[in-house]
Amino acid sequence: MAGSRINRGEVWLVDLGMAAKARPVVILSVEYLDEERALVSYVPRITSVRGTRFEVMHEARGFMEGAFDAQSIGTLPAVKFLRRISTLDSSTLAKVEEAIRLWLAL
């Protein structure tokens, strides 16, 4: 980790261990405490959009056309998070949360 706190709603570049590529993800979890596991949950941003009900379109300067894919929710150790790219607007974050609730039947 780049020495920064990882906060819910931020977009980070993360080493997902996929073909030596880092990918953007939006952070879902809350900040962990010192006595807790240093784990962070996220939803990855994809560029191969299929148009499913679990994809939340995301357009922002500096990004290719893409979406956050709630079906690919994951958790990794904080050390895999390389650097913060931006912060997601509250409207898009709410849509990601709704897609996750739909995917997990919450």
PDB file of N, CA and C in Angstrom:
ATOM      1  N   MET A   1       0.850  -1.177   0.000  1.00  0.00           N
ATOM      2  CA  MET A   1       0.000   0.000   0.000  1.00  0.00           C
ATOM      3  C   MET A   1       0.888   1.229   0.000  1.00  0.00           C
ATOM      4  N   ALA A   2       0.438   2.253  -0.615  1.00  0.00           N
ATOM      5  CA  ALA A   2       1.217   3.466  -0.787  1.00  0.00           C
ATOM      6  C   ALA A   2       1.343   4.296   0.487  1.00  0.00           C
ATOM      7  N   GLY A   3       0.949   3.767   1.633  1.00  0.00           N
ATOM      8  CA  GLY A   3       1.060   4.493   2.888  1.00  0.00           C
ATOM      9  C   GLY A   3      -0.165   5.332   3.212  1.00  0.00           C
ATOM     10  N   SER A   4      -1.179   5.253   2.389  1.00  0.00           N
ATOM     11  CA  SER A   4      -2.409   6.023   2.590  1.00  0.00           C
ATOM     12  C   SER A   4      -3.492   5.145   3.192  1.00  0.00           C
ATOM     13  N   ARG A   5      -4.428   5.788   3.861  1.00  0.00           N
ATOM     14  CA  ARG A   5      -5.611   5.060   4.327  1.00  0.00           C
ATOM     15  C   ARG A   5      -6.466   4.722   3.121  1.00  0.00           C
ATOM     16  N   ILE A   6      -7.154   3.611   3.198  1.00  0.00           N
ATOM     17  CA  ILE A   6      -8.043   3.180   2.119  1.00  0.00           C
ATOM     18  C   ILE A   6      -9.469   3.396   2.608  1.00  0.00           C
ATOM     19  N   ASN A   7     -10.208   4.260   1.924  1.00  0.00           N
ATOM     20  CA  ASN A   7     -11.532   4.661   2.382  1.00  0.00           C
ATOM     21  C   ASN A   7     -12.636   4.210   1.436  1.00  0.00           C
ATOM     22  N   ARG A   8     -13.756   3.883   2.024  1.00  0.00           N
ATOM     23  CA  ARG A   8     -14.949   3.489   1.274  1.00  0.00           C
ATOM     24  C   ARG A   8     -15.277   4.552   0.225  1.00  0.00           C
ATOM     25  N   GLY A   9     -15.587   4.101  -1.001  1.00  0.00           N
ATOM     26  CA  GLY A   9     -15.959   5.007  -2.070  1.00  0.00           C
ATOM     27  C   GLY A   9     -14.802   5.502  -2.916  1.00  0.00           C
ATOM     28  N   GLU A  10     -13.581   5.209  -2.502  1.00  0.00           N
ATOM     29  CA  GLU A  10     -12.424   5.610  -3.300  1.00  0.00           C
ATOM     30  C   GLU A  10     -12.176   4.588  -4.405  1.00  0.00           C
ATOM     31  N   VAL A  11     -11.583   5.067  -5.489  1.00  0.00           N
ATOM     32  CA  VAL A  11     -11.163   4.184  -6.574  1.00  0.00           C
ATOM     33  C   VAL A  11      -9.655   4.029  -6.456  1.00  0.00           C
ATOM     34  N   TRP A  12      -9.208   2.776  -6.343  1.00  0.00           N
ATOM     35  CA  TRP A  12      -7.794   2.459  -6.171  1.00  0.00           C
ATOM     36  C   TRP A  12      -7.310   1.573  -7.299  1.00  0.00           C
ATOM     37  N   LEU A  13      -6.029   1.663  -7.587  1.00  0.00           N
ATOM     38  CA  LEU A  13      -5.357   0.739  -8.496  1.00  0.00           C
ATOM     39  C   LEU A  13      -4.850  -0.407  -7.635  1.00  0.00           C
ATOM     40  N   VAL A  14      -5.209  -1.644  -8.031  1.00  0.00           N
ATOM     41  CA  VAL A  14      -4.939  -2.811  -7.189  1.00  0.00           C
ATOM     42  C   VAL A  14      -4.271  -3.911  -7.994  1.00  0.00           C
ATOM     43  N   ASP A  15      -3.319  -4.576  -7.359  1.00  0.00           N
ATOM     44  CA  ASP A  15      -2.690  -5.761  -7.950  1.00  0.00           C
ATOM     45  C   ASP A  15      -3.612  -6.944  -7.684  1.00  0.00           C
ATOM     46  N   LEU A  16      -4.396  -7.324  -8.703  1.00  0.00           N
ATOM     47  CA  LEU A  16      -5.319  -8.448  -8.562  1.00  0.00           C
ATOM     48  C   LEU A  16      -4.671  -9.773  -8.944  1.00  0.00           C
ATOM     49  N   GLY A  17      -3.370  -9.736  -9.280  1.00  0.00           N
ATOM     50  CA  GLY A  17      -2.671 -10.965  -9.627  1.00  0.00           C
ATOM     51  C   GLY A  17      -3.106 -11.545 -10.958  1.00  0.00           C
ATOM     52  N   MET A  18      -3.638 -10.719 -11.828  1.00  0.00           N
ATOM     53  CA  MET A  18      -4.134 -11.178 -13.121  1.00  0.00           C
ATOM     54  C   MET A  18      -3.207 -10.693 -14.231  1.00  0.00           C
ATOM     55  N   ALA A  19      -2.447 -11.589 -14.804  1.00  0.00           N
ATOM     56  CA  ALA A  19      -1.577 -11.276 -15.944  1.00  0.00           C
ATOM     57  C   ALA A  19      -0.700 -10.059 -15.689  1.00  0.00           C
ATOM     58  N   ALA A  20      -0.217  -9.950 -14.469  1.00  0.00           N
ATOM     59  CA  ALA A  20       0.686  -8.866 -14.063  1.00  0.00           C
ATOM     60  C   ALA A  20       0.108  -7.476 -14.327  1.00  0.00           C
ATOM     61  N   LYS A  21      -1.210  -7.354 -14.259  1.00  0.00           N
ATOM     62  CA  LYS A  21      -1.859  -6.060 -14.482  1.00  0.00           C
ATOM     63  C   LYS A  21      -2.505  -5.561 -13.203  1.00  0.00           C
ATOM     64  N   ALA A  22      -2.431  -4.274 -13.017  1.00  0.00           N
ATOM     65  CA  ALA A  22      -3.159  -3.643 -11.916  1.00  0.00           C
ATOM     66  C   ALA A  22      -4.487  -3.149 -12.486  1.00  0.00           C
ATOM     67  N   ARG A  23      -5.545  -3.222 -11.691  1.00  0.00           N
ATOM     68  CA  ARG A  23      -6.884  -2.844 -12.133  1.00  0.00           C
ATOM     69  C   ARG A  23      -7.495  -1.825 -11.182  1.00  0.00           C
ATOM     70  N   PRO A  24      -8.352  -0.943 -11.703  1.00  0.00           N
ATOM     71  CA  PRO A  24      -9.085  -0.034 -10.814  1.00  0.00           C
ATOM     72  C   PRO A  24     -10.240  -0.762 -10.140  1.00  0.00           C
ATOM     73  N   VAL A  25     -10.463  -0.432  -8.876  1.00  0.00           N
ATOM     74  CA  VAL A  25     -11.563  -0.995  -8.095  1.00  0.00           C
ATOM     75  C   VAL A  25     -12.157   0.117  -7.242  1.00  0.00           C
ATOM     76  N   VAL A  26     -13.427  -0.052  -6.861  1.00  0.00           N
ATOM     77  CA  VAL A  26     -14.027   0.870  -5.904  1.00  0.00           C
ATOM     78  C   VAL A  26     -14.065   0.155  -4.555  1.00  0.00           C
ATOM     79  N   ILE A  27     -13.685   0.870  -3.505  1.00  0.00           N
ATOM     80  CA  ILE A  27     -13.620   0.312  -2.155  1.00  0.00           C
ATOM     81  C   ILE A  27     -15.012   0.290  -1.537  1.00  0.00           C
ATOM     82  N   LEU A  28     -15.365  -0.872  -0.942  1.00  0.00           N
ATOM     83  CA  LEU A  28     -16.666  -1.038  -0.290  1.00  0.00           C
ATOM     84  C   LEU A  28     -16.567  -1.091   1.223  1.00  0.00           C
ATOM     85  N   SER A  29     -15.493  -1.659   1.726  1.00  0.00           N
ATOM     86  CA  SER A  29     -15.387  -1.887   3.166  1.00  0.00           C
ATOM     87  C   SER A  29     -15.034  -0.611   3.917  1.00  0.00           C
ATOM     88  N   VAL A  30     -15.299  -0.654   5.208  1.00  0.00           N
ATOM     89  CA  VAL A  30     -14.928   0.449   6.091  1.00  0.00           C
ATOM     90  C   VAL A  30     -13.473   0.261   6.512  1.00  0.00           C
ATOM     91  N   GLU A  31     -12.889   1.295   7.065  1.00  0.00           N
ATOM     92  CA  GLU A  31     -11.503   1.212   7.509  1.00  0.00           C
ATOM     93  C   GLU A  31     -11.371   0.189   8.639  1.00  0.00           C
ATOM     94  N   TYR A  32     -10.354  -0.650   8.549  1.00  0.00           N
ATOM     95  CA  TYR A  32     -10.116  -1.658   9.585  1.00  0.00           C
ATOM     96  C   TYR A  32      -9.335  -1.045  10.742  1.00  0.00           C
ATOM     97  N   LEU A  33      -9.533  -1.596  11.933  1.00  0.00           N
ATOM     98  CA  LEU A  33      -8.824  -1.137  13.129  1.00  0.00           C
ATOM     99  C   LEU A  33      -7.528  -1.922  13.300  1.00  0.00           C
ATOM    100  N   ASP A  34      -6.647  -1.446  14.156  1.00  0.00           N
ATOM    101  CA  ASP A  34      -5.340  -2.076  14.349  1.00  0.00           C
ATOM    102  C   ASP A  34      -5.424  -3.548  14.728  1.00  0.00           C
ATOM    103  N   GLU A  35      -6.428  -3.916  15.530  1.00  0.00           N
ATOM    104  CA  GLU A  35      -6.535  -5.305  15.987  1.00  0.00           C
ATOM    105  C   GLU A  35      -7.262  -6.204  14.980  1.00  0.00           C
ATOM    106  N   GLU A  36      -7.739  -5.626  13.884  1.00  0.00           N
ATOM    107  CA  GLU A  36      -8.475  -6.392  12.874  1.00  0.00           C
ATOM    108  C   GLU A  36      -7.571  -6.763  11.706  1.00  0.00           C
ATOM    109  N   ARG A  37      -8.031  -7.709  10.908  1.00  0.00           N
ATOM    110  CA  ARG A  37      -7.278  -8.104   9.721  1.00  0.00           C
ATOM    111  C   ARG A  37      -7.197  -6.926   8.757  1.00  0.00           C
ATOM    112  N   ALA A  38      -6.046  -6.756   8.143  1.00  0.00           N
ATOM    113  CA  ALA A  38      -5.829  -5.666   7.185  1.00  0.00           C
ATOM    114  C   ALA A  38      -6.355  -6.092   5.817  1.00  0.00           C
ATOM    115  N   LEU A  39      -7.689  -6.233   5.738  1.00  0.00           N
ATOM    116  CA  LEU A  39      -8.348  -6.666   4.508  1.00  0.00           C
ATOM    117  C   LEU A  39      -9.255  -5.562   3.994  1.00  0.00           C
ATOM    118  N   VAL A  40      -9.389  -5.495   2.667  1.00  0.00           N
ATOM    119  CA  VAL A  40     -10.206  -4.476   2.036  1.00  0.00           C
ATOM    120  C   VAL A  40     -11.093  -5.146   0.986  1.00  0.00           C
ATOM    121  N   SER A  41     -12.401  -4.857   1.039  1.00  0.00           N
ATOM    122  CA  SER A  41     -13.337  -5.408   0.050  1.00  0.00           C
ATOM    123  C   SER A  41     -13.604  -4.365  -1.028  1.00  0.00           C
ATOM    124  N   TYR A  42     -13.816  -4.862  -2.248  1.00  0.00           N
ATOM    125  CA  TYR A  42     -13.888  -3.984  -3.411  1.00  0.00           C
ATOM    126  C   TYR A  42     -14.784  -4.587  -4.493  1.00  0.00           C
ATOM    127  N   VAL A  43     -15.109  -3.750  -5.483  1.00  0.00           N
ATOM    128  CA  VAL A  43     -15.750  -4.193  -6.718  1.00  0.00           C
ATOM    129  C   VAL A  43     -14.858  -3.697  -7.855  1.00  0.00           C
ATOM    130  N   PRO A  44     -14.416  -4.598  -8.741  1.00  0.00           N
ATOM    131  CA  PRO A  44     -13.528  -4.179  -9.828  1.00  0.00           C
ATOM    132  C   PRO A  44     -14.257  -3.425 -10.938  1.00  0.00           C
ATOM    133  N   ARG A  45     -13.505  -2.601 -11.611  1.00  0.00           N
ATOM    134  CA  ARG A  45     -13.998  -1.890 -12.788  1.00  0.00           C
ATOM    135  C   ARG A  45     -13.589  -2.687 -14.018  1.00  0.00           C
ATOM    136  N   ILE A  46     -14.546  -2.914 -14.903  1.00  0.00           N
ATOM    137  CA  ILE A  46     -14.284  -3.701 -16.104  1.00  0.00           C
ATOM    138  C   ILE A  46     -14.474  -2.827 -17.341  1.00  0.00           C
ATOM    139  N   THR A  47     -13.850  -3.222 -18.443  1.00  0.00           N
ATOM    140  CA  THR A  47     -14.063  -2.527 -19.716  1.00  0.00           C
ATOM    141  C   THR A  47     -14.797  -3.422 -20.713  1.00  0.00           C
ATOM    142  N   SER A  48     -14.908  -4.704 -20.414  1.00  0.00           N
ATOM    143  CA  SER A  48     -15.672  -5.634 -21.257  1.00  0.00           C
ATOM    144  C   SER A  48     -17.100  -5.712 -20.714  1.00  0.00           C
ATOM    145  N   VAL A  49     -17.865  -4.674 -20.996  1.00  0.00           N
ATOM    146  CA  VAL A  49     -19.213  -4.547 -20.451  1.00  0.00           C
ATOM    147  C   VAL A  49     -20.178  -5.439 -21.233  1.00  0.00           C
ATOM    148  N   ARG A  50     -21.010  -6.175 -20.502  1.00  0.00           N
ATOM    149  CA  ARG A  50     -22.017  -7.047 -21.105  1.00  0.00           C
ATOM    150  C   ARG A  50     -23.426  -6.475 -20.997  1.00  0.00           C
ATOM    151  N   GLY A  51     -23.588  -5.489 -20.149  1.00  0.00           N
ATOM    152  CA  GLY A  51     -24.903  -4.888 -19.974  1.00  0.00           C
ATOM    153  C   GLY A  51     -25.804  -5.639 -19.009  1.00  0.00           C
ATOM    154  N   THR A  52     -25.214  -6.365 -18.052  1.00  0.00           N
ATOM    155  CA  THR A  52     -26.018  -7.112 -17.084  1.00  0.00           C
ATOM    156  C   THR A  52     -26.558  -6.168 -16.008  1.00  0.00           C
ATOM    157  N   ARG A  53     -27.517  -6.657 -15.257  1.00  0.00           N
ATOM    158  CA  ARG A  53     -28.121  -5.859 -14.181  1.00  0.00           C
ATOM    159  C   ARG A  53     -27.160  -5.654 -13.009  1.00  0.00           C
ATOM    160  N   PHE A  54     -26.031  -6.354 -13.010  1.00  0.00           N
ATOM    161  CA  PHE A  54     -25.054  -6.229 -11.930  1.00  0.00           C
ATOM    162  C   PHE A  54     -23.900  -5.295 -12.282  1.00  0.00           C
ATOM    163  N   GLU A  55     -23.932  -4.720 -13.465  1.00  0.00           N
ATOM    164  CA  GLU A  55     -22.899  -3.781 -13.892  1.00  0.00           C
ATOM    165  C   GLU A  55     -23.397  -2.351 -13.718  1.00  0.00           C
ATOM    166  N   VAL A  56     -22.552  -1.513 -13.168  1.00  0.00           N
ATOM    167  CA  VAL A  56     -22.876  -0.100 -12.979  1.00  0.00           C
ATOM    168  C   VAL A  56     -21.937   0.704 -13.855  1.00  0.00           C
ATOM    169  N   MET A  57     -22.502   1.327 -14.871  1.00  0.00           N
ATOM    170  CA  MET A  57     -21.685   2.114 -15.805  1.00  0.00           C
ATOM    171  C   MET A  57     -20.949   3.231 -15.066  1.00  0.00           C
ATOM    172  N   HIS A  58     -19.724   3.467 -15.535  1.00  0.00           N
ATOM    173  CA  HIS A  58     -18.891   4.487 -14.908  1.00  0.00           C
ATOM    174  C   HIS A  58     -18.149   5.249 -16.000  1.00  0.00           C
ATOM    175  N   GLU A  59     -18.403   6.535 -16.064  1.00  0.00           N
ATOM    176  CA  GLU A  59     -17.703   7.404 -16.998  1.00  0.00           C
ATOM    177  C   GLU A  59     -16.998   8.475 -16.187  1.00  0.00           C
ATOM    178  N   ALA A  60     -15.718   8.616 -16.424  1.00  0.00           N
ATOM    179  CA  ALA A  60     -14.943   9.641 -15.721  1.00  0.00           C
ATOM    180  C   ALA A  60     -13.725   9.993 -16.563  1.00  0.00           C
ATOM    181  N   ARG A  61     -13.298  11.211 -16.428  1.00  0.00           N
ATOM    182  CA  ARG A  61     -12.117  11.668 -17.159  1.00  0.00           C
ATOM    183  C   ARG A  61     -10.918  10.799 -16.782  1.00  0.00           C
ATOM    184  N   GLY A  62     -10.180  10.370 -17.776  1.00  0.00           N
ATOM    185  CA  GLY A  62      -9.001   9.549 -17.541  1.00  0.00           C
ATOM    186  C   GLY A  62      -9.272   8.050 -17.537  1.00  0.00           C
ATOM    187  N   PHE A  63     -10.542   7.651 -17.677  1.00  0.00           N
ATOM    188  CA  PHE A  63     -10.916   6.238 -17.689  1.00  0.00           C
ATOM    189  C   PHE A  63     -11.475   5.870 -19.055  1.00  0.00           C
ATOM    190  N   MET A  64     -11.195   4.651 -19.496  1.00  0.00           N
ATOM    191  CA  MET A  64     -11.865   4.109 -20.667  1.00  0.00           C
ATOM    192  C   MET A  64     -13.323   3.864 -20.291  1.00  0.00           C
ATOM    193  N   GLU A  65     -14.192   3.703 -21.293  1.00  0.00           N
ATOM    194  CA  GLU A  65     -15.582   3.359 -21.011  1.00  0.00           C
ATOM    195  C   GLU A  65     -15.602   2.054 -20.229  1.00  0.00           C
ATOM    196  N   GLY A  66     -16.429   1.977 -19.196  1.00  0.00           N
ATOM    197  CA  GLY A  66     -16.460   0.765 -18.391  1.00  0.00           C
ATOM    198  C   GLY A  66     -17.547   0.781 -17.342  1.00  0.00           C
ATOM    199  N   ALA A  67     -17.493  -0.229 -16.476  1.00  0.00           N
ATOM    200  CA  ALA A  67     -18.505  -0.401 -15.433  1.00  0.00           C
ATOM    201  C   ALA A  67     -17.890  -1.098 -14.229  1.00  0.00           C
ATOM    202  N   PHE A  68     -18.527  -0.935 -13.081  1.00  0.00           N
ATOM    203  CA  PHE A  68     -18.172  -1.705 -11.890  1.00  0.00           C
ATOM    204  C   PHE A  68     -19.045  -2.951 -11.893  1.00  0.00           C
ATOM    205  N   ASP A  69     -18.439  -4.123 -11.714  1.00  0.00           N
ATOM    206  CA  ASP A  69     -19.133  -5.407 -11.819  1.00  0.00           C
ATOM    207  C   ASP A  69     -19.358  -6.022 -10.442  1.00  0.00           C
ATOM    208  N   ALA A  70     -20.599  -5.902  -9.946  1.00  0.00           N
ATOM    209  CA  ALA A  70     -20.938  -6.398  -8.609  1.00  0.00           C
ATOM    210  C   ALA A  70     -20.805  -7.914  -8.487  1.00  0.00           C
ATOM    211  N   GLN A  71     -20.829  -8.646  -9.590  1.00  0.00           N
ATOM    212  CA  GLN A  71     -20.656 -10.096  -9.531  1.00  0.00           C
ATOM    213  C   GLN A  71     -19.214 -10.482  -9.216  1.00  0.00           C
ATOM    214  N   SER A  72     -18.311  -9.537  -9.293  1.00  0.00           N
ATOM    215  CA  SER A  72     -16.892  -9.832  -9.059  1.00  0.00           C
ATOM    216  C   SER A  72     -16.376  -9.263  -7.751  1.00  0.00           C
ATOM    217  N   ILE A  73     -17.267  -9.029  -6.790  1.00  0.00           N
ATOM    218  CA  ILE A  73     -16.867  -8.499  -5.490  1.00  0.00           C
ATOM    219  C   ILE A  73     -15.743  -9.361  -4.906  1.00  0.00           C
ATOM    220  N   GLY A  74     -14.766  -8.711  -4.274  1.00  0.00           N
ATOM    221  CA  GLY A  74     -13.637  -9.454  -3.723  1.00  0.00           C
ATOM    222  C   GLY A  74     -13.054  -8.783  -2.494  1.00  0.00           C
ATOM    223  N   THR A  75     -12.111  -9.477  -1.866  1.00  0.00           N
ATOM    224  CA  THR A  75     -11.407  -8.961  -0.695  1.00  0.00           C
ATOM    225  C   THR A  75      -9.942  -9.338  -0.815  1.00  0.00           C
ATOM    226  N   LEU A  76      -9.065  -8.398  -0.531  1.00  0.00           N
ATOM    227  CA  LEU A  76      -7.619  -8.621  -0.595  1.00  0.00           C
ATOM    228  C   LEU A  76      -6.927  -7.949   0.585  1.00  0.00           C
ATOM    229  N   PRO A  77      -5.703  -8.395   0.894  1.00  0.00           N
ATOM    230  CA  PRO A  77      -4.911  -7.685   1.901  1.00  0.00           C
ATOM    231  C   PRO A  77      -4.605  -6.260   1.443  1.00  0.00           C
ATOM    232  N   ALA A  78      -4.551  -5.354   2.368  1.00  0.00           N
ATOM    233  CA  ALA A  78      -4.325  -3.940   2.061  1.00  0.00           C
ATOM    234  C   ALA A  78      -3.029  -3.703   1.281  1.00  0.00           C
ATOM    235  N   VAL A  79      -2.036  -4.554   1.448  1.00  0.00           N
ATOM    236  CA  VAL A  79      -0.760  -4.350   0.756  1.00  0.00           C
ATOM    237  C   VAL A  79      -0.881  -4.470  -0.762  1.00  0.00           C
ATOM    238  N   LYS A  80      -1.957  -5.049  -1.266  1.00  0.00           N
ATOM    239  CA  LYS A  80      -2.166  -5.188  -2.712  1.00  0.00           C
ATOM    240  C   LYS A  80      -2.676  -3.898  -3.358  1.00  0.00           C
ATOM    241  N   PHE A  81      -3.084  -2.937  -2.537  1.00  0.00           N
ATOM    242  CA  PHE A  81      -3.633  -1.690  -3.046  1.00  0.00           C
ATOM    243  C   PHE A  81      -2.487  -0.716  -3.287  1.00  0.00           C
ATOM    244  N   LEU A  82      -2.285  -0.356  -4.547  1.00  0.00           N
ATOM    245  CA  LEU A  82      -1.098   0.380  -4.961  1.00  0.00           C
ATOM    246  C   LEU A  82      -1.202   1.888  -4.764  1.00  0.00           C
ATOM    247  N   ARG A  83      -2.299   2.470  -5.270  1.00  0.00           N
ATOM    248  CA  ARG A  83      -2.461   3.920  -5.099  1.00  0.00           C
ATOM    249  C   ARG A  83      -3.899   4.324  -5.361  1.00  0.00           C
ATOM    250  N   ARG A  84      -4.297   5.408  -4.704  1.00  0.00           N
ATOM    251  CA  ARG A  84      -5.645   5.952  -4.903  1.00  0.00           C
ATOM    252  C   ARG A  84      -5.671   6.719  -6.212  1.00  0.00           C
ATOM    253  N   ILE A  85      -6.718   6.478  -7.011  1.00  0.00           N
ATOM    254  CA  ILE A  85      -6.880   7.163  -8.291  1.00  0.00           C
ATOM    255  C   ILE A  85      -7.843   8.331  -8.163  1.00  0.00           C
ATOM    256  N   SER A  86      -8.976   8.083  -7.503  1.00  0.00           N
ATOM    257  CA  SER A  86     -10.004   9.114  -7.376  1.00  0.00           C
ATOM    258  C   SER A  86     -11.014   8.694  -6.316  1.00  0.00           C
ATOM    259  N   THR A  87     -12.064   9.470  -6.208  1.00  0.00           N
ATOM    260  CA  THR A  87     -13.183   9.140  -5.325  1.00  0.00           C
ATOM    261  C   THR A  87     -14.435   9.084  -6.177  1.00  0.00           C
ATOM    262  N   LEU A  88     -15.228   8.046  -5.984  1.00  0.00           N
ATOM    263  CA  LEU A  88     -16.455   7.859  -6.745  1.00  0.00           C
ATOM    264  C   LEU A  88     -17.526   8.820  -6.254  1.00  0.00           C
ATOM    265  N   ASP A  89     -18.320   9.362  -7.168  1.00  0.00           N
ATOM    266  CA  ASP A  89     -19.403  10.239  -6.748  1.00  0.00           C
ATOM    267  C   ASP A  89     -20.459   9.425  -6.002  1.00  0.00           C
ATOM    268  N   SER A  90     -21.193  10.078  -5.117  1.00  0.00           N
ATOM    269  CA  SER A  90     -22.133   9.371  -4.236  1.00  0.00           C
ATOM    270  C   SER A  90     -23.245   8.667  -5.002  1.00  0.00           C
ATOM    271  N   SER A  91     -23.675   9.212  -6.121  1.00  0.00           N
ATOM    272  CA  SER A  91     -24.734   8.600  -6.916  1.00  0.00           C
ATOM    273  C   SER A  91     -24.274   7.259  -7.510  1.00  0.00           C
ATOM    274  N   THR A  92     -23.064   7.222  -8.056  1.00  0.00           N
ATOM    275  CA  THR A  92     -22.546   5.980  -8.632  1.00  0.00           C
ATOM    276  C   THR A  92     -22.272   4.957  -7.538  1.00  0.00           C
ATOM    277  N   LEU A  93     -21.739   5.395  -6.397  1.00  0.00           N
ATOM    278  CA  LEU A  93     -21.510   4.481  -5.282  1.00  0.00           C
ATOM    279  C   LEU A  93     -22.829   3.858  -4.821  1.00  0.00           C
ATOM    280  N   ALA A  94     -23.880   4.635  -4.753  1.00  0.00           N
ATOM    281  CA  ALA A  94     -25.194   4.114  -4.352  1.00  0.00           C
ATOM    282  C   ALA A  94     -25.678   3.054  -5.344  1.00  0.00           C
ATOM    283  N   LYS A  95     -25.424   3.261  -6.630  1.00  0.00           N
ATOM    284  CA  LYS A  95     -25.805   2.278  -7.646  1.00  0.00           C
ATOM    285  C   LYS A  95     -24.993   0.995  -7.500  1.00  0.00           C
ATOM    286  N   VAL A  96     -23.711   1.114  -7.174  1.00  0.00           N
ATOM    287  CA  VAL A  96     -22.867  -0.070  -6.934  1.00  0.00           C
ATOM    288  C   VAL A  96     -23.405  -0.834  -5.723  1.00  0.00           C
ATOM    289  N   GLU A  97     -23.733  -0.120  -4.652  1.00  0.00           N
ATOM    290  CA  GLU A  97     -24.285  -0.759  -3.456  1.00  0.00           C
ATOM    291  C   GLU A  97     -25.585  -1.493  -3.772  1.00  0.00           C
ATOM    292  N   GLU A  98     -26.448  -0.883  -4.585  1.00  0.00           N
ATOM    293  CA  GLU A  98     -27.714  -1.511  -4.962  1.00  0.00           C
ATOM    294  C   GLU A  98     -27.467  -2.769  -5.803  1.00  0.00           C
ATOM    295  N   ALA A  99     -26.510  -2.720  -6.712  1.00  0.00           N
ATOM    296  CA  ALA A  99     -26.178  -3.898  -7.525  1.00  0.00           C
ATOM    297  C   ALA A  99     -25.652  -5.032  -6.648  1.00  0.00           C
ATOM    298  N   ILE A 100     -24.879  -4.693  -5.616  1.00  0.00           N
ATOM    299  CA  ILE A 100     -24.371  -5.716  -4.692  1.00  0.00           C
ATOM    300  C   ILE A 100     -25.520  -6.332  -3.898  1.00  0.00           C
ATOM    301  N   ARG A 101     -26.437  -5.481  -3.416  1.00  0.00           N
ATOM    302  CA  ARG A 101     -27.607  -6.009  -2.686  1.00  0.00           C
ATOM    303  C   ARG A 101     -28.404  -6.950  -3.569  1.00  0.00           C
ATOM    304  N   LEU A 102     -28.573  -6.602  -4.830  1.00  0.00           N
ATOM    305  CA  LEU A 102     -29.305  -7.449  -5.771  1.00  0.00           C
ATOM    306  C   LEU A 102     -28.559  -8.771  -5.983  1.00  0.00           C
ATOM    307  N   TRP A 103     -27.248  -8.703  -6.212  1.00  0.00           N
ATOM    308  CA  TRP A 103     -26.435  -9.893  -6.455  1.00  0.00           C
ATOM    309  C   TRP A 103     -26.425 -10.838  -5.259  1.00  0.00           C
ATOM    310  N   LEU A 104     -26.360 -10.289  -4.058  1.00  0.00           N
ATOM    311  CA  LEU A 104     -26.270 -11.121  -2.843  1.00  0.00           C
ATOM    312  C   LEU A 104     -27.623 -11.324  -2.170  1.00  0.00           C
ATOM    313  N   ALA A 105     -28.694 -10.846  -2.776  1.00  0.00           N
ATOM    314  CA  ALA A 105     -30.054 -10.959  -2.231  1.00  0.00           C
ATOM    315  C   ALA A 105     -30.132 -10.435  -0.800  1.00  0.00           C
ATOM    316  N   LEU A 106     -29.601  -9.240  -0.590  1.00  0.00           N
ATOM    317  CA  LEU A 106     -29.609  -8.620   0.748  1.00  0.00           C
ATOM    318  C   LEU A 106     -30.767  -7.643   0.879  1.00  0.00           C
TER     319      LEU A 106
END
